[in-house]
Amino acid sequence: MVELGVQIEVTGQFYLPVGQAQFDYGRGWWDEFWCLNEQGDGYWLSVDEGDYALERTLPRSAWPKGFRPALGAATEINGIPFRVTEAETATCSAVKGEFPEALAVGETHLYFDLTGLDGEIATCERWDGGEAWSIGSWIDAWDVRRS
């Protein structure tokens, strides 16, 4: 359904996927699309076994202070409480298109998925020489369509 260079609509907002990476975590894999909205702002659209999530990059100034990553760990982002619900290592297995940072096939990322009380989601990724945070929400697959 999501394809590089083909604009999609998600609940009335338009995004253009310009990069696609696939990550393998042993029991499965998922796709990450780097998308630009109509204003040129970047978003990550994750597609994992039919589940969709849309997250925007969290500026460094909003990263949780003193976060100690571990399953079940609690933290706060922009005043919203979160808890780590998944901690795993994934390997980048495919890359094409454009991204805000360099991605290489074979590089590993340690990631932590966090869930808020009202269904908000956040992700912390760490890799050799880098770290990134994003925040967003799950999306109903029926709300994602080509425009």
N, C-alpha and C. Protein backbone atom coordinates (compact mmCIF):
# COMPACT_ATOMS: atom_id res chain seq x y z
N MET A 1 0.82 -1.20 0.00
CA MET A 1 0.00 0.00 0.00
C MET A 1 0.86 1.26 0.00
N VAL A 2 1.87 1.35 0.87
CA VAL A 2 2.75 2.50 0.90
C VAL A 2 3.89 2.23 -0.07
N GLU A 3 4.18 3.23 -0.91
CA GLU A 3 5.19 3.06 -1.95
C GLU A 3 5.98 4.36 -2.09
N LEU A 4 7.29 4.23 -2.29
CA LEU A 4 8.12 5.42 -2.46
C LEU A 4 7.62 6.27 -3.62
N GLY A 5 7.58 7.58 -3.41
CA GLY A 5 7.20 8.50 -4.46
C GLY A 5 5.71 8.60 -4.74
N VAL A 6 4.88 7.85 -4.00
CA VAL A 6 3.43 7.90 -4.19
C VAL A 6 2.81 8.51 -2.94
N GLN A 7 2.23 9.69 -3.10
CA GLN A 7 1.65 10.40 -1.95
C GLN A 7 0.54 9.59 -1.29
N ILE A 8 0.51 9.67 0.04
CA ILE A 8 -0.55 9.01 0.80
C ILE A 8 -1.29 10.06 1.63
N GLU A 9 -2.49 9.70 2.02
CA GLU A 9 -3.28 10.54 2.91
C GLU A 9 -3.54 9.76 4.19
N VAL A 10 -3.32 10.43 5.31
CA VAL A 10 -3.57 9.83 6.62
C VAL A 10 -4.44 10.81 7.38
N THR A 11 -5.71 10.45 7.58
CA THR A 11 -6.70 11.28 8.29
C THR A 11 -6.64 12.75 7.85
N GLY A 12 -6.71 12.96 6.54
CA GLY A 12 -6.77 14.32 6.01
C GLY A 12 -5.44 15.02 5.82
N GLN A 13 -4.35 14.41 6.20
CA GLN A 13 -3.01 14.98 6.02
C GLN A 13 -2.29 14.22 4.91
N PHE A 14 -1.48 14.91 4.13
CA PHE A 14 -0.79 14.30 2.99
C PHE A 14 0.70 14.15 3.27
N TYR A 15 1.23 13.00 2.88
CA TYR A 15 2.64 12.68 3.10
C TYR A 15 3.21 12.03 1.84
N LEU A 16 4.46 12.36 1.54
CA LEU A 16 5.14 11.75 0.41
C LEU A 16 6.28 10.88 0.95
N PRO A 17 6.20 9.56 0.79
CA PRO A 17 7.30 8.68 1.21
C PRO A 17 8.51 8.88 0.28
N VAL A 18 9.65 9.25 0.86
CA VAL A 18 10.86 9.48 0.07
C VAL A 18 11.99 8.51 0.42
N GLY A 19 11.83 7.76 1.50
CA GLY A 19 12.83 6.77 1.89
C GLY A 19 12.16 5.56 2.52
N GLN A 20 12.75 4.39 2.31
CA GLN A 20 12.22 3.16 2.89
C GLN A 20 13.37 2.32 3.41
N ALA A 21 13.25 1.88 4.65
CA ALA A 21 14.24 0.98 5.24
C ALA A 21 13.49 -0.20 5.84
N GLN A 22 14.13 -1.34 5.80
CA GLN A 22 13.54 -2.54 6.40
C GLN A 22 14.45 -2.97 7.55
N PHE A 23 13.84 -3.31 8.68
CA PHE A 23 14.57 -3.73 9.86
C PHE A 23 14.14 -5.14 10.26
N ASP A 24 15.11 -5.98 10.54
CA ASP A 24 14.89 -7.38 10.93
C ASP A 24 15.22 -7.50 12.42
N TYR A 25 14.29 -8.07 13.19
CA TYR A 25 14.54 -8.24 14.62
C TYR A 25 14.50 -9.70 15.04
N GLY A 26 14.77 -10.61 14.10
CA GLY A 26 14.85 -12.02 14.44
C GLY A 26 13.55 -12.76 14.22
N ARG A 27 12.49 -12.39 14.95
CA ARG A 27 11.19 -13.05 14.80
C ARG A 27 10.39 -12.47 13.64
N GLY A 28 10.88 -11.41 13.04
CA GLY A 28 10.15 -10.76 11.96
C GLY A 28 10.88 -9.53 11.47
N TRP A 29 10.17 -8.70 10.73
CA TRP A 29 10.73 -7.46 10.19
C TRP A 29 9.63 -6.43 10.06
N TRP A 30 10.04 -5.17 9.88
CA TRP A 30 9.08 -4.11 9.61
C TRP A 30 9.72 -3.11 8.66
N ASP A 31 8.88 -2.29 8.04
CA ASP A 31 9.33 -1.23 7.14
C ASP A 31 9.16 0.12 7.82
N GLU A 32 10.14 0.97 7.58
CA GLU A 32 10.09 2.37 8.03
C GLU A 32 10.15 3.24 6.79
N PHE A 33 9.17 4.12 6.64
CA PHE A 33 9.15 5.07 5.53
C PHE A 33 9.42 6.47 6.09
N TRP A 34 10.37 7.17 5.48
CA TRP A 34 10.61 8.57 5.82
C TRP A 34 9.72 9.37 4.87
N CYS A 35 8.79 10.14 5.45
CA CYS A 35 7.80 10.86 4.66
C CYS A 35 7.89 12.36 4.94
N LEU A 36 7.58 13.14 3.92
CA LEU A 36 7.52 14.59 4.06
C LEU A 36 6.08 15.04 3.90
N ASN A 37 5.63 15.93 4.81
CA ASN A 37 4.28 16.46 4.67
C ASN A 37 4.31 17.63 3.70
N GLU A 38 3.18 18.28 3.51
CA GLU A 38 3.08 19.37 2.53
C GLU A 38 3.95 20.58 2.90
N GLN A 39 4.32 20.71 4.17
CA GLN A 39 5.19 21.80 4.60
C GLN A 39 6.67 21.40 4.55
N GLY A 40 6.96 20.15 4.19
CA GLY A 40 8.33 19.68 4.13
C GLY A 40 8.86 19.12 5.44
N ASP A 41 7.96 18.97 6.45
CA ASP A 41 8.36 18.39 7.73
C ASP A 41 8.42 16.87 7.59
N GLY A 42 9.38 16.24 8.29
CA GLY A 42 9.58 14.81 8.18
C GLY A 42 8.85 14.01 9.24
N TYR A 43 8.36 12.83 8.83
CA TYR A 43 7.66 11.90 9.71
C TYR A 43 8.11 10.48 9.39
N TRP A 44 8.12 9.63 10.41
CA TRP A 44 8.38 8.20 10.23
C TRP A 44 7.05 7.48 10.21
N LEU A 45 6.81 6.72 9.14
CA LEU A 45 5.63 5.87 9.05
C LEU A 45 6.12 4.43 9.14
N SER A 46 5.75 3.73 10.21
CA SER A 46 6.15 2.34 10.42
C SER A 46 5.02 1.42 9.99
N VAL A 47 5.39 0.36 9.30
CA VAL A 47 4.42 -0.65 8.88
C VAL A 47 4.95 -1.99 9.37
N ASP A 48 4.25 -2.56 10.35
CA ASP A 48 4.69 -3.80 10.99
C ASP A 48 3.51 -4.76 11.08
N GLU A 49 3.52 -5.78 10.24
CA GLU A 49 2.48 -6.81 10.24
C GLU A 49 1.08 -6.21 10.16
N GLY A 50 0.92 -5.21 9.30
CA GLY A 50 -0.38 -4.59 9.11
C GLY A 50 -0.71 -3.47 10.08
N ASP A 51 0.14 -3.26 11.08
CA ASP A 51 -0.05 -2.15 12.02
C ASP A 51 0.74 -0.94 11.52
N TYR A 52 0.14 0.24 11.64
CA TYR A 52 0.76 1.48 11.19
C TYR A 52 0.96 2.41 12.39
N ALA A 53 2.07 3.11 12.36
CA ALA A 53 2.34 4.15 13.36
C ALA A 53 2.97 5.34 12.65
N LEU A 54 2.62 6.53 13.07
CA LEU A 54 3.18 7.75 12.49
C LEU A 54 3.82 8.54 13.62
N GLU A 55 5.11 8.81 13.46
CA GLU A 55 5.85 9.54 14.49
C GLU A 55 6.65 10.67 13.86
N ARG A 56 6.80 11.74 14.61
CA ARG A 56 7.65 12.85 14.18
C ARG A 56 8.90 12.83 15.04
N THR A 57 9.97 13.35 14.50
CA THR A 57 11.23 13.41 15.23
C THR A 57 11.06 14.35 16.42
N LEU A 58 11.55 13.92 17.55
CA LEU A 58 11.48 14.72 18.77
C LEU A 58 12.77 15.54 18.87
N PRO A 59 12.67 16.87 18.99
CA PRO A 59 13.89 17.66 19.11
C PRO A 59 14.68 17.28 20.37
N ARG A 60 15.97 17.38 20.27
CA ARG A 60 16.85 16.99 21.39
C ARG A 60 16.44 17.67 22.69
N SER A 61 15.97 18.90 22.62
CA SER A 61 15.58 19.63 23.84
C SER A 61 14.39 18.97 24.55
N ALA A 62 13.63 18.13 23.86
CA ALA A 62 12.47 17.46 24.46
C ALA A 62 12.77 16.02 24.89
N TRP A 63 13.99 15.54 24.61
CA TRP A 63 14.34 14.18 25.03
C TRP A 63 14.25 14.07 26.55
N PRO A 64 13.78 12.93 27.05
CA PRO A 64 13.71 12.76 28.51
C PRO A 64 15.09 12.87 29.15
N LYS A 65 15.12 13.54 30.26
CA LYS A 65 16.38 13.69 31.00
C LYS A 65 16.59 12.47 31.89
N GLY A 66 17.79 11.93 31.90
CA GLY A 66 18.11 10.82 32.79
C GLY A 66 17.43 9.51 32.45
N PHE A 67 17.00 9.34 31.20
CA PHE A 67 16.32 8.10 30.81
C PHE A 67 17.28 6.92 30.92
N ARG A 68 16.87 5.90 31.65
CA ARG A 68 17.64 4.67 31.80
C ARG A 68 16.86 3.57 31.09
N PRO A 69 17.26 3.26 29.86
CA PRO A 69 16.47 2.32 29.06
C PRO A 69 16.45 0.90 29.60
N ALA A 70 15.25 0.40 29.84
CA ALA A 70 15.03 -0.98 30.27
C ALA A 70 13.54 -1.26 30.14
N LEU A 71 13.20 -2.49 29.90
CA LEU A 71 11.80 -2.88 29.80
C LEU A 71 11.08 -2.48 31.09
N GLY A 72 9.97 -1.78 30.94
CA GLY A 72 9.20 -1.35 32.10
C GLY A 72 9.60 0.00 32.66
N ALA A 73 10.73 0.56 32.21
CA ALA A 73 11.19 1.85 32.74
C ALA A 73 10.19 2.96 32.42
N ALA A 74 10.02 3.87 33.36
CA ALA A 74 9.10 4.99 33.18
C ALA A 74 9.89 6.26 32.89
N THR A 75 9.29 7.15 32.09
CA THR A 75 9.87 8.45 31.80
C THR A 75 8.75 9.39 31.42
N GLU A 76 9.09 10.64 31.15
CA GLU A 76 8.10 11.64 30.78
C GLU A 76 8.62 12.41 29.57
N ILE A 77 7.73 12.63 28.59
CA ILE A 77 8.07 13.41 27.40
C ILE A 77 6.99 14.47 27.22
N ASN A 78 7.39 15.73 27.20
CA ASN A 78 6.44 16.84 27.05
C ASN A 78 5.30 16.76 28.06
N GLY A 79 5.61 16.32 29.28
CA GLY A 79 4.61 16.23 30.34
C GLY A 79 3.73 14.99 30.28
N ILE A 80 3.98 14.11 29.31
CA ILE A 80 3.19 12.89 29.16
C ILE A 80 3.99 11.72 29.73
N PRO A 81 3.41 10.95 30.66
CA PRO A 81 4.13 9.78 31.19
C PRO A 81 4.15 8.63 30.18
N PHE A 82 5.32 8.00 30.05
CA PHE A 82 5.51 6.85 29.17
C PHE A 82 6.18 5.73 29.93
N ARG A 83 5.98 4.51 29.42
CA ARG A 83 6.66 3.33 29.98
C ARG A 83 7.20 2.50 28.81
N VAL A 84 8.41 1.95 28.97
CA VAL A 84 9.02 1.11 27.93
C VAL A 84 8.27 -0.21 27.87
N THR A 85 7.71 -0.51 26.69
CA THR A 85 6.93 -1.74 26.50
C THR A 85 7.63 -2.75 25.61
N GLU A 86 8.69 -2.33 24.93
CA GLU A 86 9.47 -3.25 24.10
C GLU A 86 10.90 -2.74 24.02
N ALA A 87 11.84 -3.66 24.16
CA ALA A 87 13.27 -3.34 24.02
C ALA A 87 13.87 -4.46 23.18
N GLU A 88 14.51 -4.10 22.09
CA GLU A 88 14.98 -5.11 21.14
C GLU A 88 16.11 -4.53 20.30
N THR A 89 16.84 -5.41 19.67
CA THR A 89 17.87 -5.01 18.70
C THR A 89 17.40 -5.41 17.33
N ALA A 90 17.52 -4.51 16.36
CA ALA A 90 17.12 -4.78 14.99
C ALA A 90 18.29 -4.46 14.06
N THR A 91 18.34 -5.16 12.94
CA THR A 91 19.38 -4.95 11.94
C THR A 91 18.74 -4.40 10.68
N CYS A 92 19.33 -3.35 10.14
CA CYS A 92 18.85 -2.77 8.89
C CYS A 92 19.17 -3.76 7.76
N SER A 93 18.14 -4.23 7.07
CA SER A 93 18.34 -5.24 6.03
C SER A 93 18.14 -4.70 4.61
N ALA A 94 17.57 -3.51 4.46
CA ALA A 94 17.39 -2.91 3.14
C ALA A 94 17.18 -1.41 3.29
N VAL A 95 17.68 -0.66 2.33
CA VAL A 95 17.55 0.80 2.34
C VAL A 95 17.41 1.30 0.91
N LYS A 96 16.45 2.21 0.70
CA LYS A 96 16.39 2.91 -0.58
C LYS A 96 15.74 4.26 -0.37
N GLY A 97 16.16 5.23 -1.13
CA GLY A 97 15.60 6.57 -1.03
C GLY A 97 16.39 7.48 -0.13
N GLU A 98 15.70 8.51 0.37
CA GLU A 98 16.32 9.58 1.16
C GLU A 98 15.89 9.52 2.62
N PHE A 99 16.84 9.86 3.51
CA PHE A 99 16.59 9.85 4.95
C PHE A 99 17.27 11.06 5.59
N PRO A 100 16.84 11.44 6.80
CA PRO A 100 17.47 12.57 7.47
C PRO A 100 18.85 12.24 8.03
N GLU A 101 19.18 10.94 8.13
CA GLU A 101 20.52 10.52 8.57
C GLU A 101 20.92 9.31 7.73
N ALA A 102 22.21 9.03 7.71
CA ALA A 102 22.71 7.90 6.93
C ALA A 102 22.27 6.59 7.56
N LEU A 103 21.77 5.68 6.74
CA LEU A 103 21.40 4.33 7.16
C LEU A 103 22.21 3.36 6.29
N ALA A 104 22.68 2.29 6.89
CA ALA A 104 23.47 1.31 6.14
C ALA A 104 22.97 -0.10 6.42
N VAL A 105 22.88 -0.89 5.37
CA VAL A 105 22.51 -2.28 5.51
C VAL A 105 23.53 -2.96 6.43
N GLY A 106 23.05 -3.72 7.38
CA GLY A 106 23.91 -4.43 8.33
C GLY A 106 24.11 -3.71 9.64
N GLU A 107 23.80 -2.41 9.71
CA GLU A 107 23.98 -1.72 10.98
C GLU A 107 22.85 -2.12 11.93
N THR A 108 23.18 -2.18 13.21
CA THR A 108 22.20 -2.58 14.21
C THR A 108 21.73 -1.38 15.01
N HIS A 109 20.47 -1.43 15.40
CA HIS A 109 19.85 -0.39 16.20
C HIS A 109 19.23 -1.04 17.43
N LEU A 110 19.53 -0.50 18.57
CA LEU A 110 18.86 -0.89 19.80
C LEU A 110 17.67 0.06 19.91
N TYR A 111 16.47 -0.49 20.02
CA TYR A 111 15.31 0.40 20.09
C TYR A 111 14.46 0.08 21.31
N PHE A 112 13.80 1.12 21.78
CA PHE A 112 12.90 1.04 22.92
C PHE A 112 11.58 1.66 22.50
N ASP A 113 10.52 0.87 22.50
CA ASP A 113 9.19 1.39 22.22
C ASP A 113 8.53 1.75 23.55
N LEU A 114 7.96 2.94 23.61
CA LEU A 114 7.33 3.43 24.83
C LEU A 114 5.86 3.72 24.54
N THR A 115 5.02 3.50 25.54
CA THR A 115 3.58 3.72 25.41
C THR A 115 3.12 4.67 26.50
N GLY A 116 2.28 5.64 26.10
CA GLY A 116 1.68 6.57 27.04
C GLY A 116 0.36 6.05 27.56
N LEU A 117 -0.20 6.74 28.53
CA LEU A 117 -1.46 6.31 29.16
C LEU A 117 -2.65 6.37 28.21
N ASP A 118 -2.62 7.29 27.25
CA ASP A 118 -3.75 7.45 26.33
C ASP A 118 -3.42 6.94 24.93
N GLY A 119 -2.50 5.98 24.84
CA GLY A 119 -2.17 5.38 23.55
C GLY A 119 -1.09 6.10 22.76
N GLU A 120 -0.51 7.14 23.33
CA GLU A 120 0.60 7.80 22.65
C GLU A 120 1.77 6.81 22.56
N ILE A 121 2.61 6.99 21.56
CA ILE A 121 3.80 6.15 21.44
C ILE A 121 5.03 7.02 21.26
N ALA A 122 6.15 6.48 21.68
CA ALA A 122 7.44 7.13 21.47
C ALA A 122 8.47 6.04 21.21
N THR A 123 9.54 6.40 20.55
CA THR A 123 10.60 5.45 20.25
C THR A 123 11.94 6.10 20.51
N CYS A 124 12.82 5.35 21.16
CA CYS A 124 14.21 5.75 21.33
C CYS A 124 15.04 4.72 20.57
N GLU A 125 15.87 5.20 19.66
CA GLU A 125 16.76 4.31 18.91
C GLU A 125 18.20 4.72 19.19
N ARG A 126 19.03 3.71 19.37
CA ARG A 126 20.46 3.95 19.57
C ARG A 126 21.24 3.04 18.63
N TRP A 127 22.25 3.60 17.99
CA TRP A 127 23.12 2.85 17.11
C TRP A 127 24.52 3.39 17.27
N ASP A 128 25.47 2.73 16.67
CA ASP A 128 26.87 3.13 16.79
C ASP A 128 27.03 4.58 16.33
N GLY A 129 27.25 5.46 17.27
CA GLY A 129 27.47 6.86 16.95
C GLY A 129 26.21 7.71 16.88
N GLY A 130 25.06 7.18 17.26
CA GLY A 130 23.86 8.00 17.17
C GLY A 130 22.74 7.60 18.10
N GLU A 131 21.82 8.52 18.25
CA GLU A 131 20.60 8.29 19.01
C GLU A 131 19.52 9.19 18.43
N ALA A 132 18.29 8.73 18.44
CA ALA A 132 17.17 9.53 17.96
C ALA A 132 15.92 9.17 18.76
N TRP A 133 15.06 10.16 18.91
CA TRP A 133 13.77 9.98 19.57
C TRP A 133 12.67 10.44 18.63
N SER A 134 11.53 9.75 18.69
CA SER A 134 10.36 10.18 17.93
C SER A 134 9.13 9.95 18.80
N ILE A 135 8.04 10.64 18.44
CA ILE A 135 6.81 10.56 19.20
C ILE A 135 5.63 10.63 18.24
N GLY A 136 4.56 9.90 18.55
CA GLY A 136 3.41 9.91 17.66
C GLY A 136 2.28 9.05 18.16
N SER A 137 1.63 8.34 17.21
CA SER A 137 0.47 7.53 17.58
C SER A 137 0.28 6.40 16.57
N TRP A 138 -0.47 5.38 17.01
CA TRP A 138 -0.88 4.31 16.12
C TRP A 138 -1.92 4.86 15.17
N ILE A 139 -1.98 4.28 13.98
CA ILE A 139 -2.95 4.72 12.97
C ILE A 139 -3.75 3.50 12.52
N ASP A 140 -5.02 3.68 12.38
CA ASP A 140 -5.86 2.62 11.82
C ASP A 140 -5.47 2.41 10.36
N ALA A 141 -5.23 1.18 9.96
CA ALA A 141 -4.82 0.88 8.58
C ALA A 141 -5.82 1.42 7.56
N TRP A 142 -7.09 1.52 7.93
CA TRP A 142 -8.12 2.02 7.01
C TRP A 142 -7.98 3.52 6.80
N ASP A 143 -7.22 4.20 7.66
CA ASP A 143 -7.02 5.65 7.53
C ASP A 143 -5.81 5.99 6.66
N VAL A 144 -5.12 4.99 6.11
CA VAL A 144 -3.97 5.21 5.25
C VAL A 144 -4.39 4.85 3.83
N ARG A 145 -4.32 5.82 2.93
CA ARG A 145 -4.70 5.52 1.54
C ARG A 145 -3.87 6.38 0.57
N ARG A 146 -3.71 5.85 -0.62
CA ARG A 146 -3.04 6.63 -1.67
C ARG A 146 -3.92 7.79 -2.05
N SER A 147 -3.28 8.94 -2.28
CA SER A 147 -4.10 10.12 -2.62
C SER A 147 -3.96 10.48 -4.09
